[in-house]
Amino acid sequence: MKNILGIAALTLILSTSVADAAMYRVDFGGSIDDGTYNGYFTYDPAGLNMASDNYNDPDGLEADFELNYATTAASGSFDEITAGVGRLSFTSGILTGWEIGGNESGISAISSGGENPLDFLLASDHENTFNFGSGYVYTAATSAWSVEEVQISAVPLPAGVWVFGAGLLGLAGLKKRKAAKAARAEGLIAA
């Protein structure tokens, strides 16, 4: 019984420590010629070089993504299917720059040959563009962005785990009581 209780306790400790993962959310916004854009993306710092640039194919760095835009000529949105993070830059563990891009055909449709160029390219540290197939390139400026640490449960801990643990403790108590009762019945322990 001690082995079962030990395994149950170890499982509870390990599953509790693995349940929360640190994620970071970057909120951004700015202006496009005669309109605005805003959005956010999240990233997990695990495995990233926190002292340099991190480049990846556009759908490799973020866990969640949303961008909304509105001008007098066009409006719409992008998500993690149609856009992605291409660069995250860090200095001493602090995010100092980023670059994102997307294509309404889907991020996997982008080719380096220019057949399907990016519909938008935004960065925290240089001029940005929106081009929606109209031949007109909208100039965009990133006016504000912020980073916030958020806790996202990587694996939800089911309520049944706590009930199971409580049940095991209850069984251990019953076994101990039964053993004490049997010992008293045999006269080994004074009542």
Protein backbone atom coordinates (compact mmCIF):
# COMPACT_ATOMS: atom_id res chain seq x y z
CA MET A 1 0.00 0.00 0.00
CA LYS A 2 2.93 2.33 0.75
CA ASN A 3 4.16 1.86 -2.82
CA ILE A 4 0.78 2.85 -4.24
CA LEU A 5 0.62 5.94 -2.01
CA GLY A 6 4.18 6.88 -2.99
CA ILE A 7 3.39 6.55 -6.68
CA ALA A 8 0.18 8.55 -6.29
CA ALA A 9 1.99 11.34 -4.41
CA LEU A 10 4.79 11.44 -6.98
CA THR A 11 2.25 11.57 -9.83
CA LEU A 12 0.41 14.48 -8.16
CA ILE A 13 3.65 16.41 -7.59
CA LEU A 14 4.93 15.89 -11.13
CA SER A 15 1.61 16.65 -12.81
CA THR A 16 1.20 19.82 -10.76
CA SER A 17 4.65 21.09 -11.66
CA VAL A 18 4.14 20.39 -15.39
CA ALA A 19 0.64 21.85 -15.59
CA ASP A 20 1.60 25.52 -16.00
CA ALA A 21 3.81 26.76 -18.81
CA ALA A 22 5.10 30.32 -19.08
CA MET A 23 3.93 31.95 -22.29
CA TYR A 24 4.32 35.54 -23.37
CA ARG A 25 1.76 37.62 -25.22
CA VAL A 26 2.79 40.55 -27.43
CA ASP A 27 0.04 43.10 -28.12
CA PHE A 28 0.64 45.54 -30.98
CA GLY A 29 -1.15 48.26 -32.92
CA GLY A 30 -0.59 51.10 -35.30
CA SER A 31 -1.79 53.02 -38.31
CA ILE A 32 -2.16 52.14 -42.00
CA ASP A 33 -2.38 55.23 -44.26
CA ASP A 34 -6.05 56.07 -43.58
CA GLY A 35 -6.80 53.25 -41.13
CA THR A 36 -5.56 51.20 -38.20
CA TYR A 37 -4.43 47.70 -37.27
CA ASN A 38 -4.06 45.82 -33.99
CA GLY A 39 -3.47 42.31 -32.80
CA TYR A 40 -1.39 39.97 -30.70
CA PHE A 41 0.74 36.84 -30.83
CA THR A 42 2.01 34.51 -28.13
CA TYR A 43 5.29 32.65 -27.87
CA ASP A 44 6.93 30.12 -25.61
CA PRO A 45 10.51 31.11 -24.65
CA ALA A 46 11.57 27.48 -24.17
CA GLY A 47 14.19 26.62 -26.76
CA LEU A 48 14.69 30.23 -27.91
CA ASN A 49 18.02 32.04 -27.75
CA MET A 50 17.23 34.76 -25.20
CA ALA A 51 20.31 36.82 -26.13
CA SER A 52 19.98 37.07 -29.92
CA ASP A 53 17.71 36.84 -32.98
CA ASN A 54 15.50 33.80 -33.49
CA TYR A 55 14.45 33.18 -37.09
CA ASN A 56 12.04 30.54 -38.22
CA ASP A 57 9.71 29.75 -41.05
CA PRO A 58 6.71 32.05 -40.53
CA ASP A 59 4.55 29.50 -38.73
CA GLY A 60 7.18 28.22 -36.32
CA LEU A 61 7.50 30.60 -33.37
CA GLU A 62 4.00 31.49 -32.19
CA ALA A 63 1.28 29.53 -30.46
CA ASP A 64 -1.58 31.94 -31.17
CA PHE A 65 -1.93 34.87 -33.54
CA GLU A 66 -4.52 37.51 -34.44
CA LEU A 67 -4.34 40.70 -36.52
CA ASN A 68 -7.24 42.95 -37.51
CA TYR A 69 -6.99 45.82 -39.97
CA ALA A 70 -9.34 48.46 -41.37
CA THR A 71 -8.82 51.14 -44.02
CA THR A 72 -11.25 52.93 -46.32
CA ALA A 73 -10.28 50.48 -49.08
CA ALA A 74 -10.13 47.14 -47.21
CA SER A 75 -10.65 45.45 -43.88
CA GLY A 76 -10.12 41.95 -42.54
CA SER A 77 -8.10 39.78 -40.24
CA PHE A 78 -5.34 37.20 -40.07
CA ASP A 79 -4.79 34.31 -37.66
CA GLU A 80 -2.16 31.60 -37.08
CA ILE A 81 -3.29 29.82 -40.28
CA THR A 82 -2.71 32.83 -42.56
CA ALA A 83 0.13 34.59 -40.73
CA GLY A 84 3.08 33.93 -38.49
CA VAL A 85 6.07 35.20 -36.59
CA GLY A 86 9.30 35.15 -38.58
CA ARG A 87 11.68 36.78 -36.09
CA LEU A 88 11.94 37.37 -32.36
CA SER A 89 14.95 39.36 -31.10
CA PHE A 90 16.10 39.29 -27.48
CA THR A 91 18.70 41.15 -25.45
CA SER A 92 19.48 39.77 -21.98
CA GLY A 93 16.20 37.81 -21.96
CA ILE A 94 14.02 40.79 -22.93
CA LEU A 95 12.12 40.89 -26.23
CA THR A 96 13.52 43.88 -28.14
CA GLY A 97 12.11 43.29 -31.62
CA TRP A 98 9.84 41.11 -33.75
CA GLU A 99 8.69 40.59 -37.33
CA ILE A 100 5.43 39.06 -38.54
CA GLY A 101 3.88 38.45 -41.94
CA GLY A 102 0.98 36.80 -43.64
CA ASN A 103 -0.89 35.98 -46.82
CA GLU A 104 -4.66 35.63 -47.20
CA SER A 105 -4.06 32.42 -49.18
CA GLY A 106 -2.49 30.87 -46.08
CA ILE A 107 0.98 31.03 -44.67
CA SER A 108 1.96 27.73 -46.35
CA ALA A 109 1.23 29.25 -49.80
CA ILE A 110 4.07 31.81 -49.53
CA SER A 111 6.97 31.12 -51.86
CA SER A 112 10.38 32.72 -52.08
CA GLY A 113 9.99 33.06 -55.88
CA GLY A 114 7.53 35.93 -55.44
CA GLU A 115 4.54 34.04 -56.89
CA ASN A 116 2.60 34.51 -53.67
CA PRO A 117 4.17 37.45 -51.80
CA LEU A 118 3.21 38.49 -48.30
CA ASP A 119 0.01 40.50 -48.00
CA PHE A 120 1.48 42.22 -44.97
CA LEU A 121 4.82 42.55 -43.26
CA LEU A 122 5.02 44.19 -39.84
CA ALA A 123 7.98 44.67 -37.54
CA SER A 124 8.56 46.52 -34.33
CA ASP A 125 11.69 48.22 -35.63
CA HIS A 126 11.23 49.24 -39.29
CA GLU A 127 8.67 50.48 -41.82
CA ASN A 128 5.80 48.11 -42.46
CA THR A 129 3.60 47.39 -45.46
CA PHE A 130 0.17 46.03 -46.34
CA ASN A 131 -0.52 44.94 -49.93
CA PHE A 132 -3.89 43.33 -50.68
CA GLY A 133 -3.47 42.55 -54.37
CA SER A 134 -4.70 45.95 -55.45
CA GLY A 135 -1.25 47.03 -56.57
CA TYR A 136 -1.27 49.76 -53.93
CA VAL A 137 1.09 49.24 -51.00
CA TYR A 138 -0.19 50.71 -47.78
CA THR A 139 2.45 52.14 -45.45
CA ALA A 140 1.97 51.06 -41.87
CA ALA A 141 3.61 52.32 -38.69
CA THR A 142 3.83 50.36 -35.45
CA SER A 143 2.93 52.93 -32.83
CA ALA A 144 2.69 50.74 -29.75
CA TRP A 145 3.54 47.24 -28.59
CA SER A 146 3.87 45.57 -25.20
CA VAL A 147 4.87 42.19 -23.79
CA GLU A 148 3.07 40.46 -20.94
CA GLU A 149 3.75 37.09 -19.30
CA VAL A 150 0.66 34.92 -19.23
CA GLN A 151 0.16 31.51 -17.67
CA ILE A 152 -1.36 29.04 -20.08
CA SER A 153 -2.16 25.58 -18.83
CA ALA A 154 -0.20 23.24 -21.08
CA VAL A 155 -2.04 20.15 -19.88
CA PRO A 156 -5.22 20.67 -17.87
CA LEU A 157 -5.11 18.79 -14.60
CA PRO A 158 -8.37 16.81 -14.42
CA ALA A 159 -10.44 17.10 -11.27
CA GLY A 160 -10.47 13.29 -11.14
CA VAL A 161 -6.79 13.27 -10.13
CA TRP A 162 -7.58 15.03 -6.86
CA VAL A 163 -10.54 12.71 -6.19
CA PHE A 164 -8.35 9.67 -6.94
CA GLY A 165 -5.66 10.93 -4.53
CA ALA A 166 -8.22 11.55 -1.79
CA GLY A 167 -9.65 8.06 -2.37
CA LEU A 168 -6.21 6.47 -2.01
CA LEU A 169 -5.64 8.31 1.26
CA GLY A 170 -9.03 7.12 2.46
CA LEU A 171 -8.20 3.51 1.58
CA ALA A 172 -4.89 3.82 3.44
CA GLY A 173 -6.75 5.07 6.52
CA LEU A 174 -9.24 2.21 6.32
CA LYS A 175 -6.44 -0.33 6.00
CA LYS A 176 -4.65 1.14 9.01
CA ARG A 177 -7.89 1.10 11.05
CA LYS A 178 -8.61 -2.51 10.01
CA ALA A 179 -5.07 -3.57 10.98
CA ALA A 180 -5.40 -1.85 14.37
CA LYS A 181 -8.82 -3.48 14.95
CA ALA A 182 -7.39 -6.93 14.10
CA ALA A 183 -4.44 -6.35 16.45
CA ARG A 184 -6.81 -5.39 19.27
CA ALA A 185 -8.93 -8.44 18.60
CA GLU A 186 -5.89 -10.66 19.00
CA GLY A 187 -5.00 -8.88 22.23
CA LEU A 188 -1.78 -7.47 20.86
CA ILE A 189 -2.80 -3.88 21.51
CA ALA A 190 -4.55 -2.70 24.66
CA ALA A 191 -7.90 -1.08 23.99
